[in-house]
Amino acid sequence: MAVGVANGRLETAQRHRDAVTELDDARTAVLQARSSESLTLVARSAGFASDDDFTTGIARVVGPDGTSGLLARADSGAPGSTDRITAIAMAVGDWQAAHRRVRELDDGGRYHDAVTSVVSTTPGGSGAAFERLDAALAEAIDAERAAFAAATASADRVLTGLTMGPAVLALLAAAAVAAGLGRRIGEYR
């Protein structure tokens, strides 16, 4: 029975570990998209701005259809994961909207305003939206790591009791043998 309980807790731990892996990859993709957003503005002055890397990074996070991708894989059914993933997905949407405004500003000849939106944390700007997304990812990763540690510790505690059981039984058996031998020796006297 203890092995079955420990196995269930380890399966929960594995779901949290898998979520951490996907969220770490999502954070990497988001950071690459952030770099692309900035570099696109820098490259604009050289005449070859492209927003493809930003789009590719975000598609990797949410999937081309908005429901697959790293976030969908991170939502592996681990307890509490769904709420965190939903918060991240909303933050991605907010950042995408802010990024579209950056592109509209830049394409409309308002380069300075586009740069300001990206580099500052002014509410409604791309920088602020990115900061919220990054914070949501960091919070989710930390929560999943803590849940993983708690689930593995819980499984360990269950198995610790399992290893103590045979030792206690062995001591009881030794005491019973000693008591039985003591009676037999007493009969011979």
N, C-alpha and C. Protein backbone atom coordinates (compact mmCIF):
# COMPACT_ATOMS: atom_id res chain seq x y z
N MET A 1 0.82 -1.19 0.00
CA MET A 1 0.00 0.00 0.00
C MET A 1 0.87 1.26 0.00
N ALA A 2 1.91 1.28 0.83
CA ALA A 2 2.78 2.46 0.91
C ALA A 2 3.46 2.73 -0.43
N VAL A 3 3.83 1.67 -1.12
CA VAL A 3 4.47 1.83 -2.42
C VAL A 3 3.50 2.46 -3.41
N GLY A 4 2.24 2.04 -3.37
CA GLY A 4 1.23 2.63 -4.25
C GLY A 4 1.01 4.11 -3.96
N VAL A 5 0.96 4.47 -2.69
CA VAL A 5 0.80 5.88 -2.31
C VAL A 5 2.01 6.68 -2.77
N ALA A 6 3.20 6.15 -2.51
CA ALA A 6 4.42 6.85 -2.93
C ALA A 6 4.47 6.99 -4.44
N ASN A 7 4.04 5.97 -5.16
CA ASN A 7 4.04 6.02 -6.62
C ASN A 7 3.10 7.12 -7.11
N GLY A 8 1.94 7.24 -6.51
CA GLY A 8 1.00 8.31 -6.88
C GLY A 8 1.60 9.69 -6.65
N ARG A 9 2.28 9.83 -5.54
CA ARG A 9 2.91 11.13 -5.24
C ARG A 9 4.07 11.42 -6.20
N LEU A 10 4.79 10.39 -6.58
CA LEU A 10 5.87 10.58 -7.54
C LEU A 10 5.32 10.92 -8.93
N GLU A 11 4.18 10.37 -9.29
CA GLU A 11 3.55 10.74 -10.57
C GLU A 11 3.14 12.21 -10.56
N THR A 12 2.62 12.68 -9.43
CA THR A 12 2.29 14.10 -9.30
C THR A 12 3.56 14.94 -9.42
N ALA A 13 4.62 14.50 -8.77
CA ALA A 13 5.89 15.21 -8.85
C ALA A 13 6.38 15.27 -10.29
N GLN A 14 6.22 14.19 -11.02
CA GLN A 14 6.66 14.16 -12.41
C GLN A 14 5.87 15.16 -13.26
N ARG A 15 4.57 15.28 -13.01
CA ARG A 15 3.76 16.25 -13.76
C ARG A 15 4.25 17.68 -13.47
N HIS A 16 4.61 17.95 -12.22
CA HIS A 16 5.14 19.27 -11.88
C HIS A 16 6.51 19.49 -12.54
N ARG A 17 7.32 18.45 -12.57
CA ARG A 17 8.64 18.56 -13.22
C ARG A 17 8.48 18.83 -14.71
N ASP A 18 7.56 18.12 -15.35
CA ASP A 18 7.31 18.34 -16.77
C ASP A 18 6.82 19.77 -17.02
N ALA A 19 5.98 20.27 -16.13
CA ALA A 19 5.50 21.65 -16.26
C ALA A 19 6.65 22.63 -16.15
N VAL A 20 7.58 22.39 -15.22
CA VAL A 20 8.75 23.27 -15.07
C VAL A 20 9.57 23.28 -16.34
N THR A 21 9.78 22.12 -16.94
CA THR A 21 10.57 22.03 -18.17
C THR A 21 9.93 22.87 -19.28
N GLU A 22 8.63 22.71 -19.46
CA GLU A 22 7.93 23.46 -20.51
C GLU A 22 7.92 24.96 -20.20
N LEU A 23 7.73 25.32 -18.94
CA LEU A 23 7.72 26.74 -18.58
C LEU A 23 9.11 27.37 -18.73
N ASP A 24 10.15 26.62 -18.41
CA ASP A 24 11.51 27.12 -18.64
C ASP A 24 11.74 27.38 -20.13
N ASP A 25 11.29 26.45 -20.96
CA ASP A 25 11.41 26.63 -22.42
C ASP A 25 10.58 27.82 -22.89
N ALA A 26 9.40 27.99 -22.31
CA ALA A 26 8.55 29.13 -22.66
C ALA A 26 9.23 30.44 -22.28
N ARG A 27 9.85 30.46 -21.11
CA ARG A 27 10.54 31.68 -20.68
C ARG A 27 11.70 32.00 -21.61
N THR A 28 12.41 30.97 -22.04
CA THR A 28 13.50 31.18 -23.00
C THR A 28 12.96 31.76 -24.31
N ALA A 29 11.85 31.20 -24.80
CA ALA A 29 11.25 31.70 -26.05
C ALA A 29 10.77 33.14 -25.89
N VAL A 30 10.23 33.47 -24.73
CA VAL A 30 9.76 34.84 -24.46
C VAL A 30 10.95 35.80 -24.44
N LEU A 31 12.03 35.39 -23.80
CA LEU A 31 13.22 36.25 -23.76
C LEU A 31 13.81 36.45 -25.16
N GLN A 32 13.77 35.40 -25.97
CA GLN A 32 14.24 35.55 -27.35
C GLN A 32 13.32 36.47 -28.14
N ALA A 33 12.02 36.38 -27.91
CA ALA A 33 11.08 37.28 -28.58
C ALA A 33 11.32 38.72 -28.13
N ARG A 34 11.62 38.90 -26.87
CA ARG A 34 11.91 40.25 -26.35
C ARG A 34 13.16 40.82 -27.03
N SER A 35 14.17 39.99 -27.17
CA SER A 35 15.39 40.43 -27.86
C SER A 35 15.07 40.80 -29.31
N SER A 36 14.26 39.97 -29.94
CA SER A 36 13.88 40.24 -31.32
C SER A 36 13.12 41.55 -31.45
N GLU A 37 12.23 41.80 -30.50
CA GLU A 37 11.47 43.05 -30.52
C GLU A 37 12.40 44.25 -30.47
N SER A 38 13.38 44.18 -29.59
CA SER A 38 14.34 45.28 -29.46
C SER A 38 15.24 45.39 -30.68
N LEU A 39 15.75 44.25 -31.14
CA LEU A 39 16.66 44.26 -32.28
C LEU A 39 15.98 44.70 -33.57
N THR A 40 14.69 44.43 -33.67
CA THR A 40 13.95 44.88 -34.86
C THR A 40 13.96 46.41 -34.92
N LEU A 41 13.82 47.05 -33.78
CA LEU A 41 13.87 48.51 -33.75
C LEU A 41 15.28 49.02 -34.04
N VAL A 42 16.27 48.33 -33.51
CA VAL A 42 17.65 48.73 -33.77
C VAL A 42 17.98 48.54 -35.25
N ALA A 43 17.58 47.41 -35.81
CA ALA A 43 17.89 47.10 -37.21
C ALA A 43 17.14 48.01 -38.16
N ARG A 44 16.05 48.58 -37.72
CA ARG A 44 15.27 49.48 -38.57
C ARG A 44 16.13 50.60 -39.13
N SER A 45 17.02 51.08 -38.30
CA SER A 45 17.87 52.18 -38.75
C SER A 45 18.82 51.73 -39.86
N ALA A 46 19.07 50.44 -39.97
CA ALA A 46 19.91 49.91 -41.05
C ALA A 46 19.08 49.51 -42.26
N GLY A 47 17.77 49.59 -42.14
CA GLY A 47 16.90 49.34 -43.28
C GLY A 47 16.46 47.90 -43.46
N PHE A 48 16.70 47.02 -42.47
CA PHE A 48 16.27 45.63 -42.65
C PHE A 48 15.59 45.09 -41.39
N ALA A 49 14.55 45.74 -40.99
CA ALA A 49 13.79 45.30 -39.83
C ALA A 49 12.88 44.13 -40.19
N SER A 50 12.85 43.11 -39.33
CA SER A 50 11.96 41.97 -39.53
C SER A 50 11.40 41.55 -38.18
N ASP A 51 10.13 41.30 -38.17
CA ASP A 51 9.45 40.93 -36.94
C ASP A 51 9.22 39.42 -36.85
N ASP A 52 9.80 38.65 -37.77
CA ASP A 52 9.55 37.22 -37.84
C ASP A 52 9.99 36.47 -36.59
N ASP A 53 11.14 36.84 -36.00
CA ASP A 53 11.63 36.13 -34.82
C ASP A 53 10.71 36.33 -33.62
N PHE A 54 10.14 37.53 -33.49
CA PHE A 54 9.18 37.77 -32.41
C PHE A 54 7.97 36.84 -32.60
N THR A 55 7.44 36.83 -33.80
CA THR A 55 6.26 36.01 -34.11
C THR A 55 6.55 34.53 -33.88
N THR A 56 7.73 34.07 -34.28
CA THR A 56 8.11 32.68 -34.10
C THR A 56 8.22 32.32 -32.62
N GLY A 57 8.82 33.20 -31.84
CA GLY A 57 8.97 32.95 -30.40
C GLY A 57 7.63 32.86 -29.70
N ILE A 58 6.73 33.77 -30.01
CA ILE A 58 5.40 33.75 -29.38
C ILE A 58 4.62 32.52 -29.85
N ALA A 59 4.74 32.16 -31.11
CA ALA A 59 4.05 30.97 -31.62
C ALA A 59 4.55 29.72 -30.91
N ARG A 60 5.81 29.71 -30.58
CA ARG A 60 6.36 28.57 -29.84
C ARG A 60 5.74 28.48 -28.44
N VAL A 61 5.46 29.62 -27.84
CA VAL A 61 4.90 29.65 -26.49
C VAL A 61 3.43 29.25 -26.49
N VAL A 62 2.64 29.87 -27.36
CA VAL A 62 1.19 29.63 -27.35
C VAL A 62 0.72 28.72 -28.47
N GLY A 63 1.59 28.42 -29.40
CA GLY A 63 1.21 27.59 -30.55
C GLY A 63 0.64 28.45 -31.65
N PRO A 64 0.70 27.98 -32.88
CA PRO A 64 0.19 28.77 -34.00
C PRO A 64 -1.31 29.02 -33.91
N ASP A 65 -2.02 28.12 -33.22
CA ASP A 65 -3.46 28.28 -33.08
C ASP A 65 -3.85 28.95 -31.76
N GLY A 66 -2.87 29.26 -30.92
CA GLY A 66 -3.13 29.90 -29.64
C GLY A 66 -3.48 28.94 -28.52
N THR A 67 -3.56 27.64 -28.83
CA THR A 67 -3.94 26.67 -27.79
C THR A 67 -3.01 25.47 -27.73
N SER A 68 -1.97 25.46 -28.52
CA SER A 68 -0.99 24.37 -28.44
C SER A 68 0.31 24.99 -27.94
N GLY A 69 1.41 24.49 -28.23
CA GLY A 69 2.66 25.13 -27.83
C GLY A 69 3.07 24.76 -26.41
N LEU A 70 4.09 25.47 -25.94
CA LEU A 70 4.70 25.16 -24.66
C LEU A 70 3.74 25.32 -23.49
N LEU A 71 2.91 26.34 -23.52
CA LEU A 71 1.97 26.54 -22.41
C LEU A 71 0.97 25.40 -22.32
N ALA A 72 0.49 24.92 -23.44
CA ALA A 72 -0.45 23.80 -23.42
C ALA A 72 0.22 22.55 -22.86
N ARG A 73 1.48 22.33 -23.21
CA ARG A 73 2.20 21.17 -22.68
C ARG A 73 2.53 21.34 -21.20
N ALA A 74 2.72 22.59 -20.76
CA ALA A 74 3.01 22.85 -19.34
C ALA A 74 1.79 22.58 -18.47
N ASP A 75 0.61 22.70 -19.05
CA ASP A 75 -0.62 22.44 -18.31
C ASP A 75 -0.89 20.94 -18.32
N SER A 76 -0.07 20.22 -17.57
CA SER A 76 -0.10 18.75 -17.60
C SER A 76 -1.05 18.15 -16.59
N GLY A 77 -1.91 18.95 -16.01
CA GLY A 77 -2.85 18.42 -15.05
C GLY A 77 -2.31 18.40 -13.63
N ALA A 78 -1.14 18.97 -13.42
CA ALA A 78 -0.62 19.04 -12.06
C ALA A 78 -1.50 20.00 -11.27
N PRO A 79 -1.77 19.68 -10.01
CA PRO A 79 -2.65 20.53 -9.21
C PRO A 79 -2.19 21.99 -9.18
N GLY A 80 -3.10 22.90 -9.49
CA GLY A 80 -2.80 24.32 -9.47
C GLY A 80 -2.19 24.87 -10.75
N SER A 81 -1.76 24.01 -11.66
CA SER A 81 -1.08 24.46 -12.87
C SER A 81 -1.99 25.25 -13.80
N THR A 82 -3.22 24.84 -13.93
CA THR A 82 -4.12 25.45 -14.90
C THR A 82 -4.31 26.94 -14.65
N ASP A 83 -4.48 27.34 -13.41
CA ASP A 83 -4.65 28.77 -13.10
C ASP A 83 -3.40 29.56 -13.46
N ARG A 84 -2.24 29.00 -13.16
CA ARG A 84 -0.99 29.69 -13.48
C ARG A 84 -0.80 29.81 -15.00
N ILE A 85 -1.11 28.75 -15.72
CA ILE A 85 -0.97 28.75 -17.18
C ILE A 85 -1.94 29.76 -17.80
N THR A 86 -3.15 29.83 -17.27
CA THR A 86 -4.13 30.79 -17.77
C THR A 86 -3.64 32.22 -17.57
N ALA A 87 -3.04 32.50 -16.42
CA ALA A 87 -2.50 33.83 -16.14
C ALA A 87 -1.37 34.17 -17.11
N ILE A 88 -0.54 33.19 -17.41
CA ILE A 88 0.57 33.41 -18.36
C ILE A 88 0.01 33.67 -19.75
N ALA A 89 -0.96 32.88 -20.16
CA ALA A 89 -1.54 33.05 -21.49
C ALA A 89 -2.17 34.44 -21.64
N MET A 90 -2.81 34.92 -20.59
CA MET A 90 -3.38 36.27 -20.64
C MET A 90 -2.27 37.32 -20.76
N ALA A 91 -1.17 37.11 -20.02
CA ALA A 91 -0.04 38.04 -20.09
C ALA A 91 0.61 38.02 -21.48
N VAL A 92 0.66 36.85 -22.11
CA VAL A 92 1.17 36.75 -23.49
C VAL A 92 0.30 37.58 -24.42
N GLY A 93 -1.02 37.43 -24.28
CA GLY A 93 -1.95 38.21 -25.11
C GLY A 93 -1.79 39.71 -24.92
N ASP A 94 -1.60 40.13 -23.68
CA ASP A 94 -1.38 41.56 -23.40
C ASP A 94 -0.09 42.05 -24.07
N TRP A 95 0.95 41.23 -23.99
CA TRP A 95 2.23 41.63 -24.59
C TRP A 95 2.12 41.66 -26.11
N GLN A 96 1.41 40.71 -26.69
CA GLN A 96 1.22 40.72 -28.14
C GLN A 96 0.49 41.99 -28.58
N ALA A 97 -0.52 42.40 -27.82
CA ALA A 97 -1.26 43.62 -28.15
C ALA A 97 -0.34 44.84 -28.04
N ALA A 98 0.46 44.88 -26.99
CA ALA A 98 1.40 46.00 -26.83
C ALA A 98 2.44 45.98 -27.95
N HIS A 99 2.87 44.80 -28.35
CA HIS A 99 3.84 44.69 -29.44
C HIS A 99 3.23 45.19 -30.76
N ARG A 100 1.97 44.86 -30.99
CA ARG A 100 1.30 45.35 -32.21
C ARG A 100 1.28 46.88 -32.21
N ARG A 101 1.05 47.48 -31.05
CA ARG A 101 1.08 48.95 -30.96
C ARG A 101 2.48 49.49 -31.26
N VAL A 102 3.50 48.77 -30.81
CA VAL A 102 4.89 49.17 -31.12
C VAL A 102 5.10 49.16 -32.62
N ARG A 103 4.65 48.10 -33.27
CA ARG A 103 4.83 48.00 -34.72
C ARG A 103 4.04 49.10 -35.43
N GLU A 104 2.84 49.42 -34.94
CA GLU A 104 2.04 50.48 -35.55
C GLU A 104 2.75 51.83 -35.39
N LEU A 105 3.32 52.06 -34.22
CA LEU A 105 4.06 53.31 -34.00
C LEU A 105 5.26 53.40 -34.93
N ASP A 106 6.03 52.32 -34.98
CA ASP A 106 7.23 52.31 -35.81
C ASP A 106 6.88 52.44 -37.29
N ASP A 107 5.91 51.66 -37.73
CA ASP A 107 5.51 51.70 -39.14
C ASP A 107 4.86 53.03 -39.50
N GLY A 108 4.29 53.71 -38.51
CA GLY A 108 3.65 55.01 -38.74
C GLY A 108 4.60 56.19 -38.62
N GLY A 109 5.89 55.90 -38.50
CA GLY A 109 6.88 56.97 -38.45
C GLY A 109 7.13 57.53 -37.06
N ARG A 110 6.63 56.88 -36.05
CA ARG A 110 6.82 57.36 -34.68
C ARG A 110 7.83 56.44 -33.97
N TYR A 111 9.02 56.40 -34.53
CA TYR A 111 10.08 55.52 -34.07
C TYR A 111 10.42 55.77 -32.60
N HIS A 112 10.56 57.01 -32.21
CA HIS A 112 10.92 57.35 -30.83
C HIS A 112 9.86 56.82 -29.85
N ASP A 113 8.60 56.96 -30.19
CA ASP A 113 7.52 56.46 -29.34
C ASP A 113 7.55 54.93 -29.26
N ALA A 114 7.88 54.29 -30.37
CA ALA A 114 7.98 52.82 -30.39
C ALA A 114 9.10 52.36 -29.47
N VAL A 115 10.24 53.03 -29.55
CA VAL A 115 11.38 52.68 -28.70
C VAL A 115 11.03 52.92 -27.23
N THR A 116 10.38 54.02 -26.94
CA THR A 116 9.98 54.33 -25.57
C THR A 116 9.05 53.25 -25.03
N SER A 117 8.14 52.77 -25.84
CA SER A 117 7.22 51.72 -25.41
C SER A 117 7.96 50.44 -25.05
N VAL A 118 9.01 50.13 -25.79
CA VAL A 118 9.75 48.89 -25.55
C VAL A 118 10.69 49.01 -24.35
N VAL A 119 11.36 50.12 -24.19
CA VAL A 119 12.39 50.22 -23.15
C VAL A 119 11.87 50.73 -21.81
N SER A 120 10.69 51.31 -21.77
CA SER A 120 10.18 51.82 -20.49
C SER A 120 9.13 50.86 -19.93
N THR A 121 8.77 51.08 -18.70
CA THR A 121 7.73 50.27 -18.07
C THR A 121 6.46 51.10 -17.87
N THR A 122 6.24 52.02 -18.78
CA THR A 122 5.04 52.84 -18.76
C THR A 122 3.82 51.93 -18.95
N PRO A 123 2.78 52.10 -18.13
CA PRO A 123 1.58 51.26 -18.30
C PRO A 123 1.06 51.31 -19.75
N GLY A 124 0.72 50.15 -20.25
CA GLY A 124 0.22 50.04 -21.61
C GLY A 124 1.31 49.82 -22.63
N GLY A 125 2.55 50.01 -22.23
CA GLY A 125 3.67 49.83 -23.15
C GLY A 125 4.13 48.39 -23.22
N SER A 126 4.95 48.13 -24.20
CA SER A 126 5.46 46.78 -24.41
C SER A 126 6.38 46.35 -23.26
N GLY A 127 7.19 47.28 -22.79
CA GLY A 127 8.10 46.96 -21.69
C GLY A 127 7.35 46.51 -20.44
N ALA A 128 6.28 47.23 -20.10
CA ALA A 128 5.48 46.87 -18.93
C ALA A 128 4.78 45.53 -19.13
N ALA A 129 4.26 45.30 -20.33
CA ALA A 129 3.58 44.03 -20.61
C ALA A 129 4.56 42.87 -20.54
N PHE A 130 5.77 43.09 -21.06
CA PHE A 130 6.79 42.05 -20.97
C PHE A 130 7.14 41.76 -19.51
N GLU A 131 7.30 42.80 -18.71
CA GLU A 131 7.64 42.62 -17.29
C GLU A 131 6.57 41.79 -16.58
N ARG A 132 5.30 42.05 -16.86
CA ARG A 132 4.21 41.27 -16.25
C ARG A 132 4.28 39.81 -16.71
N LEU A 133 4.54 39.60 -17.98
CA LEU A 133 4.65 38.23 -18.49
C LEU A 133 5.83 37.51 -17.85
N ASP A 134 6.96 38.16 -17.79
CA ASP A 134 8.15 37.54 -17.20
C ASP A 134 7.91 37.21 -15.73
N ALA A 135 7.23 38.12 -15.01
CA ALA A 135 6.92 37.87 -13.60
C ALA A 135 5.95 36.69 -13.45
N ALA A 136 4.97 36.59 -14.33
CA ALA A 136 4.02 35.48 -14.28
C ALA A 136 4.74 34.16 -14.56
N LEU A 137 5.65 34.16 -15.50
CA LEU A 137 6.42 32.95 -15.79
C LEU A 137 7.30 32.57 -14.59
N ALA A 138 7.97 33.55 -14.02
CA ALA A 138 8.85 33.27 -12.87
C ALA A 138 8.03 32.72 -11.70
N GLU A 139 6.88 33.31 -11.45
CA GLU A 139 6.02 32.85 -10.36
C GLU A 139 5.54 31.42 -10.60
N ALA A 140 5.15 31.13 -11.82
CA ALA A 140 4.67 29.77 -12.15
C ALA A 140 5.80 28.76 -12.04
N ILE A 141 6.98 29.10 -12.50
CA ILE A 141 8.12 28.19 -12.42
C ILE A 141 8.45 27.91 -10.96
N ASP A 142 8.50 28.97 -10.14
CA ASP A 142 8.78 28.78 -8.72
C ASP A 142 7.72 27.92 -8.04
N ALA A 143 6.45 28.15 -8.36
CA ALA A 143 5.37 27.37 -7.76
C ALA A 143 5.46 25.90 -8.17
N GLU A 144 5.75 25.66 -9.44
CA GLU A 144 5.86 24.27 -9.90
C GLU A 144 7.06 23.57 -9.27
N ARG A 145 8.16 24.30 -9.12
CA ARG A 145 9.34 23.70 -8.47
C ARG A 145 9.05 23.38 -7.01
N ALA A 146 8.36 24.28 -6.32
CA ALA A 146 8.00 24.04 -4.92
C ALA A 146 7.05 22.85 -4.82
N ALA A 147 6.09 22.76 -5.73
CA ALA A 147 5.15 21.64 -5.71
C ALA A 147 5.88 20.32 -6.00
N PHE A 148 6.84 20.37 -6.90
CA PHE A 148 7.65 19.18 -7.19
C PHE A 148 8.39 18.73 -5.94
N ALA A 149 9.04 19.68 -5.27
CA ALA A 149 9.80 19.34 -4.06
C ALA A 149 8.88 18.78 -2.97
N ALA A 150 7.70 19.37 -2.82
CA ALA A 150 6.76 18.89 -1.80
C ALA A 150 6.27 17.48 -2.13
N ALA A 151 5.98 17.22 -3.39
CA ALA A 151 5.49 15.89 -3.78
C ALA A 151 6.57 14.83 -3.60
N THR A 152 7.81 15.15 -3.94
CA THR A 152 8.88 14.15 -3.76
C THR A 152 9.17 13.94 -2.27
N ALA A 153 9.12 15.00 -1.48
CA ALA A 153 9.33 14.85 -0.03
C ALA A 153 8.21 14.01 0.59
N SER A 154 7.00 14.21 0.12
CA SER A 154 5.87 13.44 0.62
C SER A 154 6.04 11.95 0.28
N ALA A 155 6.46 11.67 -0.93
CA ALA A 155 6.71 10.28 -1.32
C ALA A 155 7.83 9.67 -0.48
N ASP A 156 8.85 10.48 -0.20
CA ASP A 156 9.97 10.01 0.62
C ASP A 156 9.51 9.66 2.04
N ARG A 157 8.64 10.51 2.60
CA ARG A 157 8.14 10.24 3.95
C ARG A 157 7.35 8.92 4.01
N VAL A 158 6.56 8.68 2.97
CA VAL A 158 5.79 7.44 2.93
C VAL A 158 6.74 6.24 2.89
N LEU A 159 7.78 6.34 2.08
CA LEU A 159 8.71 5.22 1.96
C LEU A 159 9.61 5.08 3.18
N THR A 160 9.86 6.17 3.90
CA THR A 160 10.66 6.09 5.12
C THR A 160 9.96 5.19 6.13
N GLY A 161 8.66 5.34 6.24
CA GLY A 161 7.89 4.47 7.13
C GLY A 161 7.96 3.01 6.68
N LEU A 162 8.01 2.81 5.39
CA LEU A 162 8.09 1.46 4.85
C LEU A 162 9.41 0.79 5.24
N THR A 163 10.49 1.52 5.26
CA THR A 163 11.78 0.93 5.63
C THR A 163 11.88 0.69 7.13
N MET A 164 11.18 1.46 7.93
CA MET A 164 11.20 1.27 9.37
C MET A 164 10.37 0.05 9.78
N GLY A 165 9.32 -0.24 9.04
CA GLY A 165 8.44 -1.36 9.37
C GLY A 165 9.17 -2.69 9.48
N PRO A 166 9.91 -3.11 8.48
CA PRO A 166 10.63 -4.39 8.58
C PRO A 166 11.64 -4.41 9.73
N ALA A 167 12.27 -3.29 10.02
CA ALA A 167 13.23 -3.24 11.12
C ALA A 167 12.52 -3.48 12.45
N VAL A 168 11.38 -2.87 12.64
CA VAL A 168 10.60 -3.06 13.87
C VAL A 168 10.13 -4.51 13.96
N LEU A 169 9.66 -5.06 12.86
CA LEU A 169 9.22 -6.45 12.85
C LEU A 169 10.38 -7.41 13.17
N ALA A 170 11.55 -7.12 12.66
CA ALA A 170 12.72 -7.96 12.94
C ALA A 170 13.06 -7.91 14.42
N LEU A 171 12.97 -6.72 15.03
CA LEU A 171 13.24 -6.61 16.47
C LEU A 171 12.20 -7.37 17.29
N LEU A 172 10.93 -7.26 16.90
CA LEU A 172 9.87 -8.00 17.59
C LEU A 172 10.08 -9.51 17.45
N ALA A 173 10.47 -9.95 16.26
CA ALA A 173 10.72 -11.37 16.04
C ALA A 173 11.90 -11.84 16.89
N ALA A 174 12.95 -11.05 16.98
CA ALA A 174 14.11 -11.41 17.79
C ALA A 174 13.72 -11.50 19.26
N ALA A 175 12.88 -10.56 19.72
CA ALA A 175 12.43 -10.60 21.11
C ALA A 175 11.58 -11.83 21.36
N ALA A 176 10.72 -12.20 20.41
CA ALA A 176 9.88 -13.39 20.57
C ALA A 176 10.73 -14.65 20.60
N VAL A 177 11.75 -14.70 19.77
CA VAL A 177 12.65 -15.86 19.74
C VAL A 177 13.39 -15.97 21.08
N ALA A 178 13.88 -14.84 21.58
CA ALA A 178 14.59 -14.84 22.86
C ALA A 178 13.67 -15.30 23.98
N ALA A 179 12.44 -14.82 23.98
CA ALA A 179 11.49 -15.22 25.02
C ALA A 179 11.18 -16.72 24.90
N GLY A 180 11.01 -17.19 23.68
CA GLY A 180 10.73 -18.61 23.46
C GLY A 180 11.89 -19.48 23.88
N LEU A 181 13.10 -19.07 23.55
CA LEU A 181 14.30 -19.83 23.95
C LEU A 181 14.45 -19.83 25.46
N GLY A 182 14.12 -18.69 26.07
CA GLY A 182 14.22 -18.61 27.53
C GLY A 182 13.31 -19.61 28.20
N ARG A 183 12.10 -19.81 27.69
CA ARG A 183 11.16 -20.78 28.24
C ARG A 183 11.68 -22.21 28.05
N ARG A 184 12.19 -22.49 26.87
CA ARG A 184 12.69 -23.84 26.60
C ARG A 184 13.88 -24.16 27.50
N ILE A 185 14.75 -23.24 27.67
CA ILE A 185 15.92 -23.45 28.54
C ILE A 185 15.44 -23.68 29.98
N GLY A 186 14.42 -22.94 30.37
CA GLY A 186 13.86 -23.11 31.72
C GLY A 186 13.25 -24.49 31.92
N GLU A 187 12.71 -25.10 30.87
CA GLU A 187 12.13 -26.43 30.96
C GLU A 187 13.20 -27.51 31.19
N TYR A 188 14.39 -27.29 30.71
CA TYR A 188 15.46 -28.27 30.85
C TYR A 188 16.10 -28.20 32.23
N ARG A 189 15.88 -27.26 33.00
CA ARG A 189 16.52 -27.14 34.31
C ARG A 189 15.83 -27.87 35.33
